[in-house]
PDB file of all heavy atoms in Angstrom:
ATOM      1  N   LEU A   1     -14.486   2.044 -15.789  1.00  0.00           N
ATOM      2  CA  LEU A   1     -13.643   1.248 -14.838  1.00  0.00           C
ATOM      3  C   LEU A   1     -12.479   2.060 -14.387  1.00  0.00           C
ATOM      4  O   LEU A   1     -11.360   1.842 -14.988  1.00  0.00           O
ATOM      5  CB  LEU A   1     -13.340  -0.208 -15.385  1.00  0.00           C
ATOM      6  CG  LEU A   1     -12.736  -1.187 -14.583  1.00  0.00           C
ATOM      7  CD1 LEU A   1     -13.860  -1.515 -13.469  1.00  0.00           C
ATOM      8  CD2 LEU A   1     -12.406  -2.365 -15.285  1.00  0.00           C
ATOM      9  N   GLU A   2     -12.558   3.054 -13.591  1.00  0.00           N
ATOM     10  CA  GLU A   2     -11.444   3.894 -13.193  1.00  0.00           C
ATOM     11  C   GLU A   2     -11.395   3.834 -11.671  1.00  0.00           C
ATOM     12  O   GLU A   2     -12.442   3.633 -10.959  1.00  0.00           O
ATOM     13  CB  GLU A   2     -11.663   5.313 -13.738  1.00  0.00           C
ATOM     14  CG  GLU A   2     -11.583   5.454 -15.219  1.00  0.00           C
ATOM     15  CD  GLU A   2     -11.827   6.847 -15.705  1.00  0.00           C
ATOM     16  OE1 GLU A   2     -12.093   7.694 -14.802  1.00  0.00           O
ATOM     17  OE2 GLU A   2     -11.666   7.202 -16.811  1.00  0.00           O
ATOM     18  N   VAL A   3     -10.263   4.162 -11.195  1.00  0.00           N
ATOM     19  CA  VAL A   3      -9.998   4.338  -9.731  1.00  0.00           C
ATOM     20  C   VAL A   3     -10.619   5.691  -9.387  1.00  0.00           C
ATOM     21  O   VAL A   3     -11.021   6.563 -10.145  1.00  0.00           O
ATOM     22  CB  VAL A   3      -8.495   4.346  -9.387  1.00  0.00           C
ATOM     23  CG1 VAL A   3      -7.958   2.984  -9.672  1.00  0.00           C
ATOM     24  CG2 VAL A   3      -7.754   5.316 -10.107  1.00  0.00           C
ATOM     25  N   THR A   4     -10.909   5.872  -8.083  1.00  0.00           N
ATOM     26  CA  THR A   4     -11.515   7.060  -7.554  1.00  0.00           C
ATOM     27  C   THR A   4     -10.720   8.359  -7.841  1.00  0.00           C
ATOM     28  O   THR A   4     -11.271   9.346  -8.310  1.00  0.00           O
ATOM     29  CB  THR A   4     -11.776   6.972  -5.994  1.00  0.00           C
ATOM     30  OG1 THR A   4     -12.538   5.768  -5.687  1.00  0.00           O
ATOM     31  CG2 THR A   4     -12.523   8.153  -5.464  1.00  0.00           C
ATOM     32  N   ASN A   5      -9.512   8.231  -7.637  1.00  0.00           N
ATOM     33  CA  ASN A   5      -8.527   9.402  -7.912  1.00  0.00           C
ATOM     34  C   ASN A   5      -7.457   8.960  -8.860  1.00  0.00           C
ATOM     35  O   ASN A   5      -6.457   8.407  -8.474  1.00  0.00           O
ATOM     36  CB  ASN A   5      -7.967   9.912  -6.504  1.00  0.00           C
ATOM     37  CG  ASN A   5      -7.143  11.198  -6.713  1.00  0.00           C
ATOM     38  OD1 ASN A   5      -6.959  11.659  -7.852  1.00  0.00           O
ATOM     39  ND2 ASN A   5      -6.659  11.809  -5.658  1.00  0.00           N
ATOM     40  N   THR A   6      -7.706   9.227 -10.178  1.00  0.00           N
ATOM     41  CA  THR A   6      -6.691   8.733 -11.093  1.00  0.00           C
ATOM     42  C   THR A   6      -5.462   9.528 -11.095  1.00  0.00           C
ATOM     43  O   THR A   6      -4.486   8.981 -11.611  1.00  0.00           O
ATOM     44  CB  THR A   6      -7.360   9.005 -12.555  1.00  0.00           C
ATOM     45  OG1 THR A   6      -7.772  10.360 -12.662  1.00  0.00           O
ATOM     46  CG2 THR A   6      -8.636   8.108 -12.688  1.00  0.00           C
ATOM     47  N   SER A   7      -5.427  10.676 -10.520  1.00  0.00           N
ATOM     48  CA  SER A   7      -4.138  11.425 -10.558  1.00  0.00           C
ATOM     49  C   SER A   7      -3.330  10.954  -9.346  1.00  0.00           C
ATOM     50  O   SER A   7      -2.040  11.257  -9.272  1.00  0.00           O
ATOM     51  CB  SER A   7      -4.349  12.986 -10.304  1.00  0.00           C
ATOM     52  OG  SER A   7      -5.144  13.192  -9.117  1.00  0.00           O
ATOM     53  N   ALA A   8      -3.743  10.222  -8.373  1.00  0.00           N
ATOM     54  CA  ALA A   8      -3.046   9.750  -7.261  1.00  0.00           C
ATOM     55  C   ALA A   8      -2.559   8.293  -7.220  1.00  0.00           C
ATOM     56  O   ALA A   8      -1.572   7.944  -6.747  1.00  0.00           O
ATOM     57  CB  ALA A   8      -3.778   9.965  -6.009  1.00  0.00           C
ATOM     58  N   ARG A   9      -3.230   7.440  -8.152  1.00  0.00           N
ATOM     59  CA  ARG A   9      -2.855   6.058  -8.010  1.00  0.00           C
ATOM     60  C   ARG A   9      -3.609   5.380  -9.313  1.00  0.00           C
ATOM     61  O   ARG A   9      -4.482   5.973  -9.917  1.00  0.00           O
ATOM     62  CB  ARG A   9      -3.372   5.375  -6.796  1.00  0.00           C
ATOM     63  CG  ARG A   9      -4.922   5.607  -6.508  1.00  0.00           C
ATOM     64  CD  ARG A   9      -5.496   4.593  -5.624  1.00  0.00           C
ATOM     65  NE  ARG A   9      -5.568   3.249  -6.291  1.00  0.00           N
ATOM     66  CZ  ARG A   9      -6.118   2.191  -5.726  1.00  0.00           C
ATOM     67  NH1 ARG A   9      -6.677   2.230  -4.565  1.00  0.00           N
ATOM     68  NH2 ARG A   9      -6.136   1.058  -6.336  1.00  0.00           N
ATOM     69  N   GLY A  10      -3.192   4.138  -9.513  1.00  0.00           N
ATOM     70  CA  GLY A  10      -3.789   3.268 -10.595  1.00  0.00           C
ATOM     71  C   GLY A  10      -4.304   2.060  -9.990  1.00  0.00           C
ATOM     72  O   GLY A  10      -4.440   1.903  -8.746  1.00  0.00           O
ATOM     73  N   TRP A  11      -4.598   1.078 -10.871  1.00  0.00           N
ATOM     74  CA  TRP A  11      -5.073  -0.153 -10.248  1.00  0.00           C
ATOM     75  C   TRP A  11      -4.095  -1.074  -9.586  1.00  0.00           C
ATOM     76  O   TRP A  11      -4.401  -1.861  -8.762  1.00  0.00           O
ATOM     77  CB  TRP A  11      -5.860  -0.947 -11.377  1.00  0.00           C
ATOM     78  CG  TRP A  11      -7.225  -0.514 -11.754  1.00  0.00           C
ATOM     79  CD1 TRP A  11      -7.582   0.245 -12.874  1.00  0.00           C
ATOM     80  CD2 TRP A  11      -8.376  -0.449 -10.908  1.00  0.00           C
ATOM     81  NE1 TRP A  11      -8.859   0.666 -12.886  1.00  0.00           N
ATOM     82  CE2 TRP A  11      -9.501   0.145 -11.631  1.00  0.00           C
ATOM     83  CE3 TRP A  11      -8.719  -1.020  -9.701  1.00  0.00           C
ATOM     84  CZ2 TRP A  11     -10.699   0.352 -11.142  1.00  0.00           C
ATOM     85  CZ3 TRP A  11     -10.000  -0.890  -9.128  1.00  0.00           C
ATOM     86  CH2 TRP A  11     -10.986  -0.220  -9.900  1.00  0.00           C
ATOM     87  N   PHE A  12      -2.928  -0.893 -10.090  1.00  0.00           N
ATOM     88  CA  PHE A  12      -1.799  -1.821  -9.538  1.00  0.00           C
ATOM     89  C   PHE A  12      -0.829  -0.849  -8.738  1.00  0.00           C
ATOM     90  O   PHE A  12      -0.418   0.189  -9.236  1.00  0.00           O
ATOM     91  CB  PHE A  12      -1.037  -2.438 -10.671  1.00  0.00           C
ATOM     92  CG  PHE A  12      -1.929  -3.430 -11.488  1.00  0.00           C
ATOM     93  CD1 PHE A  12      -2.502  -3.010 -12.598  1.00  0.00           C
ATOM     94  CD2 PHE A  12      -2.107  -4.611 -11.023  1.00  0.00           C
ATOM     95  CE1 PHE A  12      -3.333  -3.919 -13.408  1.00  0.00           C
ATOM     96  CE2 PHE A  12      -3.030  -5.559 -11.755  1.00  0.00           C
ATOM     97  CZ  PHE A  12      -3.536  -5.203 -12.902  1.00  0.00           C
ATOM     98  N   ILE A  13      -0.493  -1.353  -7.630  1.00  0.00           N
ATOM     99  CA  ILE A  13       0.330  -0.578  -6.654  1.00  0.00           C
ATOM    100  C   ILE A  13       1.634  -1.308  -6.423  1.00  0.00           C
ATOM    101  O   ILE A  13       1.676  -2.540  -6.240  1.00  0.00           O
ATOM    102  CB  ILE A  13      -0.317  -0.458  -5.274  1.00  0.00           C
ATOM    103  CG1 ILE A  13      -1.814   0.172  -5.469  1.00  0.00           C
ATOM    104  CG2 ILE A  13       0.493   0.451  -4.367  1.00  0.00           C
ATOM    105  CD1 ILE A  13      -1.706   1.598  -6.150  1.00  0.00           C
ATOM    106  N   ASN A  14       2.707  -0.512  -6.595  1.00  0.00           N
ATOM    107  CA  ASN A  14       4.068  -1.147  -6.263  1.00  0.00           C
ATOM    108  C   ASN A  14       4.274  -1.430  -4.800  1.00  0.00           C
ATOM    109  O   ASN A  14       4.288  -0.480  -3.944  1.00  0.00           O
ATOM    110  CB  ASN A  14       5.128  -0.105  -6.824  1.00  0.00           C
ATOM    111  CG  ASN A  14       6.559  -0.755  -6.644  1.00  0.00           C
ATOM    112  OD1 ASN A  14       6.677  -1.868  -6.312  1.00  0.00           O
ATOM    113  ND2 ASN A  14       7.590   0.033  -7.032  1.00  0.00           N
ATOM    114  N   PRO A  15       4.440  -2.694  -4.398  1.00  0.00           N
ATOM    115  CA  PRO A  15       4.552  -2.942  -2.903  1.00  0.00           C
ATOM    116  C   PRO A  15       5.828  -2.311  -2.265  1.00  0.00           C
ATOM    117  O   PRO A  15       5.846  -2.178  -1.056  1.00  0.00           O
ATOM    118  CB  PRO A  15       4.701  -4.463  -2.903  1.00  0.00           C
ATOM    119  CG  PRO A  15       4.184  -4.967  -4.179  1.00  0.00           C
ATOM    120  CD  PRO A  15       4.521  -3.915  -5.180  1.00  0.00           C
ATOM    121  N   MET A  16       6.723  -1.964  -3.041  1.00  0.00           N
ATOM    122  CA  MET A  16       7.982  -1.349  -2.541  1.00  0.00           C
ATOM    123  C   MET A  16       7.864   0.128  -2.355  1.00  0.00           C
ATOM    124  O   MET A  16       8.754   0.818  -1.788  1.00  0.00           O
ATOM    125  CB  MET A  16       9.233  -1.643  -3.376  1.00  0.00           C
ATOM    126  CG  MET A  16       9.443  -3.101  -3.637  1.00  0.00           C
ATOM    127  SD  MET A  16       9.490  -4.083  -2.225  1.00  0.00           S
ATOM    128  CE  MET A  16      10.921  -3.408  -1.329  1.00  0.00           C
ATOM    129  N   GLY A  17       6.708   0.796  -2.816  1.00  0.00           N
ATOM    130  CA  GLY A  17       6.518   2.122  -2.661  1.00  0.00           C
ATOM    131  C   GLY A  17       5.976   2.779  -3.887  1.00  0.00           C
ATOM    132  O   GLY A  17       6.539   2.415  -5.081  1.00  0.00           O
ATOM    133  N   LYS A  18       5.073   3.696  -3.866  1.00  0.00           N
ATOM    134  CA  LYS A  18       4.523   4.249  -5.156  1.00  0.00           C
ATOM    135  C   LYS A  18       5.328   5.474  -5.476  1.00  0.00           C
ATOM    136  O   LYS A  18       5.910   5.506  -6.599  1.00  0.00           O
ATOM    137  CB  LYS A  18       2.996   4.625  -4.955  1.00  0.00           C
ATOM    138  CG  LYS A  18       2.350   5.162  -6.171  1.00  0.00           C
ATOM    139  CD  LYS A  18       0.842   5.394  -5.848  1.00  0.00           C
ATOM    140  CE  LYS A  18       0.689   6.412  -4.881  1.00  0.00           C
ATOM    141  NZ  LYS A  18       0.997   7.844  -5.558  1.00  0.00           N
ATOM    142  N   ASP A  19       5.372   6.538  -4.653  1.00  0.00           N
ATOM    143  CA  ASP A  19       6.226   7.637  -4.869  1.00  0.00           C
ATOM    144  C   ASP A  19       7.488   7.714  -4.033  1.00  0.00           C
ATOM    145  O   ASP A  19       8.570   8.226  -4.476  1.00  0.00           O
ATOM    146  CB  ASP A  19       5.323   8.969  -4.560  1.00  0.00           C
ATOM    147  CG  ASP A  19       4.156   9.000  -5.474  1.00  0.00           C
ATOM    148  OD1 ASP A  19       4.314   8.635  -6.673  1.00  0.00           O
ATOM    149  OD2 ASP A  19       3.105   9.494  -5.042  1.00  0.00           O
ATOM    150  N   ASN A  20       7.491   7.133  -2.844  1.00  0.00           N
ATOM    151  CA  ASN A  20       8.676   7.056  -2.010  1.00  0.00           C
ATOM    152  C   ASN A  20       8.888   5.529  -1.608  1.00  0.00           C
ATOM    153  O   ASN A  20       7.841   4.722  -1.663  1.00  0.00           O
ATOM    154  CB  ASN A  20       8.423   7.942  -0.746  1.00  0.00           C
ATOM    155  CG  ASN A  20       8.201   9.354  -1.158  1.00  0.00           C
ATOM    156  OD1 ASN A  20       8.827   9.910  -1.870  1.00  0.00           O
ATOM    157  ND2 ASN A  20       7.097   9.846  -0.540  1.00  0.00           N
ATOM    158  N   THR A  21      10.040   5.266  -1.077  1.00  0.00           N
ATOM    159  CA  THR A  21      10.294   3.886  -0.663  1.00  0.00           C
ATOM    160  C   THR A  21       9.600   3.623   0.690  1.00  0.00           C
ATOM    161  O   THR A  21       9.712   4.421   1.643  1.00  0.00           O
ATOM    162  CB  THR A  21      11.827   3.738  -0.432  1.00  0.00           C
ATOM    163  OG1 THR A  21      12.517   4.036  -1.620  1.00  0.00           O
ATOM    164  CG2 THR A  21      12.208   2.310   0.042  1.00  0.00           C
ATOM    165  N   PHE A  22       8.951   2.542   0.616  1.00  0.00           N
ATOM    166  CA  PHE A  22       8.055   2.164   1.829  1.00  0.00           C
ATOM    167  C   PHE A  22       9.003   1.545   2.910  1.00  0.00           C
ATOM    168  O   PHE A  22       9.838   0.727   2.550  1.00  0.00           O
ATOM    169  CB  PHE A  22       6.905   1.195   1.478  1.00  0.00           C
ATOM    170  CG  PHE A  22       5.901   0.990   2.616  1.00  0.00           C
ATOM    171  CD1 PHE A  22       5.028   1.958   2.745  1.00  0.00           C
ATOM    172  CD2 PHE A  22       5.823  -0.261   3.213  1.00  0.00           C
ATOM    173  CE1 PHE A  22       4.028   1.834   3.664  1.00  0.00           C
ATOM    174  CE2 PHE A  22       4.939  -0.401   4.217  1.00  0.00           C
ATOM    175  CZ  PHE A  22       3.991   0.736   4.424  1.00  0.00           C
ATOM    176  N   PRO A  23       8.893   2.055   4.220  1.00  0.00           N
ATOM    177  CA  PRO A  23       9.738   1.462   5.295  1.00  0.00           C
ATOM    178  C   PRO A  23       9.772  -0.127   5.320  1.00  0.00           C
ATOM    179  O   PRO A  23       8.688  -0.694   5.437  1.00  0.00           O
ATOM    180  CB  PRO A  23       9.302   2.134   6.487  1.00  0.00           C
ATOM    181  CG  PRO A  23       8.550   3.316   6.008  1.00  0.00           C
ATOM    182  CD  PRO A  23       7.906   2.932   4.697  1.00  0.00           C
ATOM    183  N   ILE A  24      10.947  -0.630   5.370  1.00  0.00           N
ATOM    184  CA  ILE A  24      11.012  -2.098   5.519  1.00  0.00           C
ATOM    185  C   ILE A  24      10.347  -2.607   6.801  1.00  0.00           C
ATOM    186  O   ILE A  24       9.673  -3.634   6.850  1.00  0.00           O
ATOM    187  CB  ILE A  24      12.487  -2.627   5.405  1.00  0.00           C
ATOM    188  CG1 ILE A  24      13.131  -2.193   4.025  1.00  0.00           C
ATOM    189  CG2 ILE A  24      12.582  -4.082   5.573  1.00  0.00           C
ATOM    190  CD1 ILE A  24      14.452  -2.649   3.726  1.00  0.00           C
ATOM    191  N   TRP A  25      10.597  -1.887   7.898  1.00  0.00           N
ATOM    192  CA  TRP A  25      10.014  -2.364   9.108  1.00  0.00           C
ATOM    193  C   TRP A  25       8.501  -2.374   9.144  1.00  0.00           C
ATOM    194  O   TRP A  25       7.823  -3.208   9.753  1.00  0.00           O
ATOM    195  CB  TRP A  25      10.523  -1.480  10.334  1.00  0.00           C
ATOM    196  CG  TRP A  25      10.106   0.048  10.259  1.00  0.00           C
ATOM    197  CD1 TRP A  25      10.661   1.095   9.642  1.00  0.00           C
ATOM    198  CD2 TRP A  25       8.782   0.480  10.781  1.00  0.00           C
ATOM    199  NE1 TRP A  25       9.813   2.141   9.744  1.00  0.00           N
ATOM    200  CE2 TRP A  25       8.699   1.873  10.540  1.00  0.00           C
ATOM    201  CE3 TRP A  25       7.784  -0.100  11.559  1.00  0.00           C
ATOM    202  CZ2 TRP A  25       7.630   2.704  10.922  1.00  0.00           C
ATOM    203  CZ3 TRP A  25       6.708   0.677  11.928  1.00  0.00           C
ATOM    204  CH2 TRP A  25       6.663   2.058  11.577  1.00  0.00           C
ATOM    205  N   MET A  26       8.023  -1.477   8.334  1.00  0.00           N
ATOM    206  CA  MET A  26       6.455  -1.356   8.263  1.00  0.00           C
ATOM    207  C   MET A  26       5.958  -2.564   7.403  1.00  0.00           C
ATOM    208  O   MET A  26       4.740  -2.979   7.618  1.00  0.00           O
ATOM    209  CB  MET A  26       6.074  -0.009   7.618  1.00  0.00           C
ATOM    210  CG  MET A  26       4.572   0.249   7.689  1.00  0.00           C
ATOM    211  SD  MET A  26       3.926   0.171   9.496  1.00  0.00           S
ATOM    212  CE  MET A  26       2.221   0.204   9.298  1.00  0.00           C
ATOM    213  N   MET A  27       6.745  -3.026   6.537  1.00  0.00           N
ATOM    214  CA  MET A  27       6.232  -4.161   5.716  1.00  0.00           C
ATOM    215  C   MET A  27       5.989  -5.357   6.672  1.00  0.00           C
ATOM    216  O   MET A  27       5.042  -6.067   6.459  1.00  0.00           O
ATOM    217  CB  MET A  27       7.371  -4.521   4.708  1.00  0.00           C
ATOM    218  CG  MET A  27       7.658  -3.587   3.627  1.00  0.00           C
ATOM    219  SD  MET A  27       9.012  -3.959   2.556  1.00  0.00           S
ATOM    220  CE  MET A  27       9.218  -2.572   1.567  1.00  0.00           C
ATOM    221  N   PHE A  28       6.927  -5.527   7.669  1.00  0.00           N
ATOM    222  CA  PHE A  28       6.676  -6.638   8.579  1.00  0.00           C
ATOM    223  C   PHE A  28       5.663  -6.215   9.771  1.00  0.00           C
ATOM    224  O   PHE A  28       4.909  -7.067  10.247  1.00  0.00           O
ATOM    225  CB  PHE A  28       7.981  -7.027   9.291  1.00  0.00           C
ATOM    226  CG  PHE A  28       9.020  -7.590   8.281  1.00  0.00           C
ATOM    227  CD1 PHE A  28       9.918  -6.807   7.649  1.00  0.00           C
ATOM    228  CD2 PHE A  28       8.934  -9.002   7.982  1.00  0.00           C
ATOM    229  CE1 PHE A  28      10.761  -7.403   6.790  1.00  0.00           C
ATOM    230  CE2 PHE A  28       9.782  -9.475   7.023  1.00  0.00           C
ATOM    231  CZ  PHE A  28      10.777  -8.694   6.455  1.00  0.00           C
ATOM    232  N   ALA A  29       5.716  -4.946  10.109  1.00  0.00           N
ATOM    233  CA  ALA A  29       4.733  -4.464  11.137  1.00  0.00           C
ATOM    234  C   ALA A  29       3.317  -4.550  10.665  1.00  0.00           C
ATOM    235  O   ALA A  29       2.343  -4.449  11.573  1.00  0.00           O
ATOM    236  CB  ALA A  29       5.204  -3.102  11.595  1.00  0.00           C
ATOM    237  N   SER A  30       3.115  -4.603   9.370  1.00  0.00           N
ATOM    238  CA  SER A  30       1.694  -4.592   8.910  1.00  0.00           C
ATOM    239  C   SER A  30       0.952  -5.822   9.242  1.00  0.00           C
ATOM    240  O   SER A  30      -0.295  -5.915   9.007  1.00  0.00           O
ATOM    241  CB  SER A  30       1.767  -4.456   7.329  1.00  0.00           C
ATOM    242  OG  SER A  30       2.308  -3.253   6.886  1.00  0.00           O
ATOM    243  N   VAL A  31       1.703  -6.750   9.760  1.00  0.00           N
ATOM    244  CA  VAL A  31       0.954  -8.035  10.250  1.00  0.00           C
ATOM    245  C   VAL A  31       0.071  -7.719  11.508  1.00  0.00           C
ATOM    246  O   VAL A  31      -0.915  -8.377  11.623  1.00  0.00           O
ATOM    247  CB  VAL A  31       2.069  -9.019  10.630  1.00  0.00           C
ATOM    248  CG1 VAL A  31       2.746  -8.702  11.892  1.00  0.00           C
ATOM    249  CG2 VAL A  31       1.434 -10.479  10.928  1.00  0.00           C
ATOM    250  N   VAL A  32       0.361  -6.700  12.169  1.00  0.00           N
ATOM    251  CA  VAL A  32      -0.450  -6.228  13.277  1.00  0.00           C
ATOM    252  C   VAL A  32      -1.900  -5.798  12.822  1.00  0.00           C
ATOM    253  O   VAL A  32      -2.956  -6.351  13.203  1.00  0.00           O
ATOM    254  CB  VAL A  32       0.174  -5.283  14.144  1.00  0.00           C
ATOM    255  CG1 VAL A  32      -0.750  -4.831  15.338  1.00  0.00           C
ATOM    256  CG2 VAL A  32       1.411  -5.827  14.755  1.00  0.00           C
ATOM    257  N   PRO A  33      -1.910  -4.714  11.991  1.00  0.00           N
ATOM    258  CA  PRO A  33      -3.224  -4.276  11.486  1.00  0.00           C
ATOM    259  C   PRO A  33      -3.929  -5.373  10.641  1.00  0.00           C
ATOM    260  O   PRO A  33      -5.103  -5.549  10.564  1.00  0.00           O
ATOM    261  CB  PRO A  33      -2.897  -3.091  10.638  1.00  0.00           C
ATOM    262  CG  PRO A  33      -1.560  -3.187  10.302  1.00  0.00           C
ATOM    263  CD  PRO A  33      -0.856  -3.838  11.505  1.00  0.00           C
ATOM    264  N   ALA A  34      -3.048  -6.289   9.950  1.00  0.00           N
ATOM    265  CA  ALA A  34      -3.721  -7.336   9.196  1.00  0.00           C
ATOM    266  C   ALA A  34      -4.413  -8.340  10.172  1.00  0.00           C
ATOM    267  O   ALA A  34      -5.469  -8.905   9.815  1.00  0.00           O
ATOM    268  CB  ALA A  34      -2.538  -8.015   8.384  1.00  0.00           C
ATOM    269  N   PHE A  35      -3.844  -8.597  11.276  1.00  0.00           N
ATOM    270  CA  PHE A  35      -4.430  -9.525  12.256  1.00  0.00           C
ATOM    271  C   PHE A  35      -5.790  -8.941  12.825  1.00  0.00           C
ATOM    272  O   PHE A  35      -6.665  -9.665  12.975  1.00  0.00           O
ATOM    273  CB  PHE A  35      -3.479  -9.740  13.423  1.00  0.00           C
ATOM    274  CG  PHE A  35      -4.095 -10.663  14.398  1.00  0.00           C
ATOM    275  CD1 PHE A  35      -4.061 -12.101  14.199  1.00  0.00           C
ATOM    276  CD2 PHE A  35      -4.357 -10.227  15.658  1.00  0.00           C
ATOM    277  CE1 PHE A  35      -4.681 -12.935  15.093  1.00  0.00           C
ATOM    278  CE2 PHE A  35      -4.892 -11.116  16.686  1.00  0.00           C
ATOM    279  CZ  PHE A  35      -5.031 -12.486  16.386  1.00  0.00           C
ATOM    280  N   LEU A  36      -5.814  -7.599  13.003  1.00  0.00           N
ATOM    281  CA  LEU A  36      -7.062  -6.919  13.377  1.00  0.00           C
ATOM    282  C   LEU A  36      -8.131  -6.995  12.351  1.00  0.00           C
ATOM    283  O   LEU A  36      -9.264  -7.299  12.537  1.00  0.00           O
ATOM    284  CB  LEU A  36      -6.728  -5.443  13.664  1.00  0.00           C
ATOM    285  CG  LEU A  36      -5.762  -5.154  14.863  1.00  0.00           C
ATOM    286  CD1 LEU A  36      -5.537  -3.711  15.077  1.00  0.00           C
ATOM    287  CD2 LEU A  36      -6.272  -5.829  16.136  1.00  0.00           C
ATOM    288  N   VAL A  37      -7.741  -6.816  11.013  1.00  0.00           N
ATOM    289  CA  VAL A  37      -8.669  -6.964   9.984  1.00  0.00           C
ATOM    290  C   VAL A  37      -9.172  -8.470   9.823  1.00  0.00           C
ATOM    291  O   VAL A  37     -10.365  -8.720   9.625  1.00  0.00           O
ATOM    292  CB  VAL A  37      -8.035  -6.531   8.601  1.00  0.00           C
ATOM    293  CG1 VAL A  37      -9.077  -6.851   7.453  1.00  0.00           C
ATOM    294  CG2 VAL A  37      -7.644  -5.121   8.588  1.00  0.00           C
ATOM    295  N   PHE A  38      -8.313  -9.405  10.124  1.00  0.00           N
ATOM    296  CA  PHE A  38      -8.655 -10.806  10.065  1.00  0.00           C
ATOM    297  C   PHE A  38      -9.686 -11.066  11.144  1.00  0.00           C
ATOM    298  O   PHE A  38     -10.707 -11.741  10.854  1.00  0.00           O
ATOM    299  CB  PHE A  38      -7.463 -11.663  10.223  1.00  0.00           C
ATOM    300  CG  PHE A  38      -7.797 -13.135  10.495  1.00  0.00           C
ATOM    301  CD1 PHE A  38      -8.196 -13.883   9.399  1.00  0.00           C
ATOM    302  CD2 PHE A  38      -7.725 -13.629  11.687  1.00  0.00           C
ATOM    303  CE1 PHE A  38      -8.555 -15.246   9.571  1.00  0.00           C
ATOM    304  CE2 PHE A  38      -8.110 -14.968  11.975  1.00  0.00           C
ATOM    305  CZ  PHE A  38      -8.502 -15.745  10.890  1.00  0.00           C
TER     306      PHE A  38
END
Protein backbone atom coordinates (compact mmCIF):
# COMPACT_ATOMS: atom_id res chain seq x y z
CA LEU A 1 0.00 0.00 0.00
CA GLU A 2 2.31 2.73 -1.31
CA VAL A 3 1.89 5.78 -3.49
CA THR A 4 3.23 5.70 -7.02
CA ASN A 5 6.15 8.03 -6.28
CA THR A 6 7.13 7.77 -2.62
CA SER A 7 9.91 10.34 -3.02
CA ALA A 8 7.52 13.04 -4.27
CA ARG A 9 4.44 12.66 -2.06
CA GLY A 10 2.66 10.68 0.63
CA TRP A 11 -0.94 9.66 1.18
CA PHE A 12 -1.88 12.91 2.92
CA ILE A 13 -1.34 16.26 1.20
CA ASN A 14 -1.13 19.63 2.96
CA PRO A 15 -3.83 21.86 1.36
CA MET A 16 -1.73 24.95 1.97
CA GLY A 17 1.16 23.57 -0.08
CA LYS A 18 3.47 20.58 -0.02
CA ASP A 19 6.88 22.12 -0.79
CA ASN A 20 5.81 25.70 -1.60
CA THR A 21 2.91 27.90 -0.53
CA PHE A 22 -0.06 27.31 -2.79
CA PRO A 23 -1.48 30.58 -4.26
CA ILE A 24 -4.57 31.78 -2.41
CA TRP A 25 -6.26 32.90 -5.63
CA MET A 26 -5.87 29.40 -7.04
CA MET A 27 -7.61 27.94 -4.00
CA PHE A 28 -10.75 29.80 -5.05
CA ALA A 29 -10.12 29.49 -8.80
CA SER A 30 -10.07 25.71 -8.42
CA VAL A 31 -13.87 25.87 -8.44
CA VAL A 32 -13.70 26.20 -12.24
CA PRO A 33 -11.91 22.88 -12.94
CA ALA A 34 -13.95 21.32 -10.14
CA PHE A 35 -17.14 22.32 -11.98
CA LEU A 36 -15.79 20.72 -15.16
CA VAL A 37 -15.01 17.49 -13.29
CA PHE A 38 -18.50 17.57 -11.79
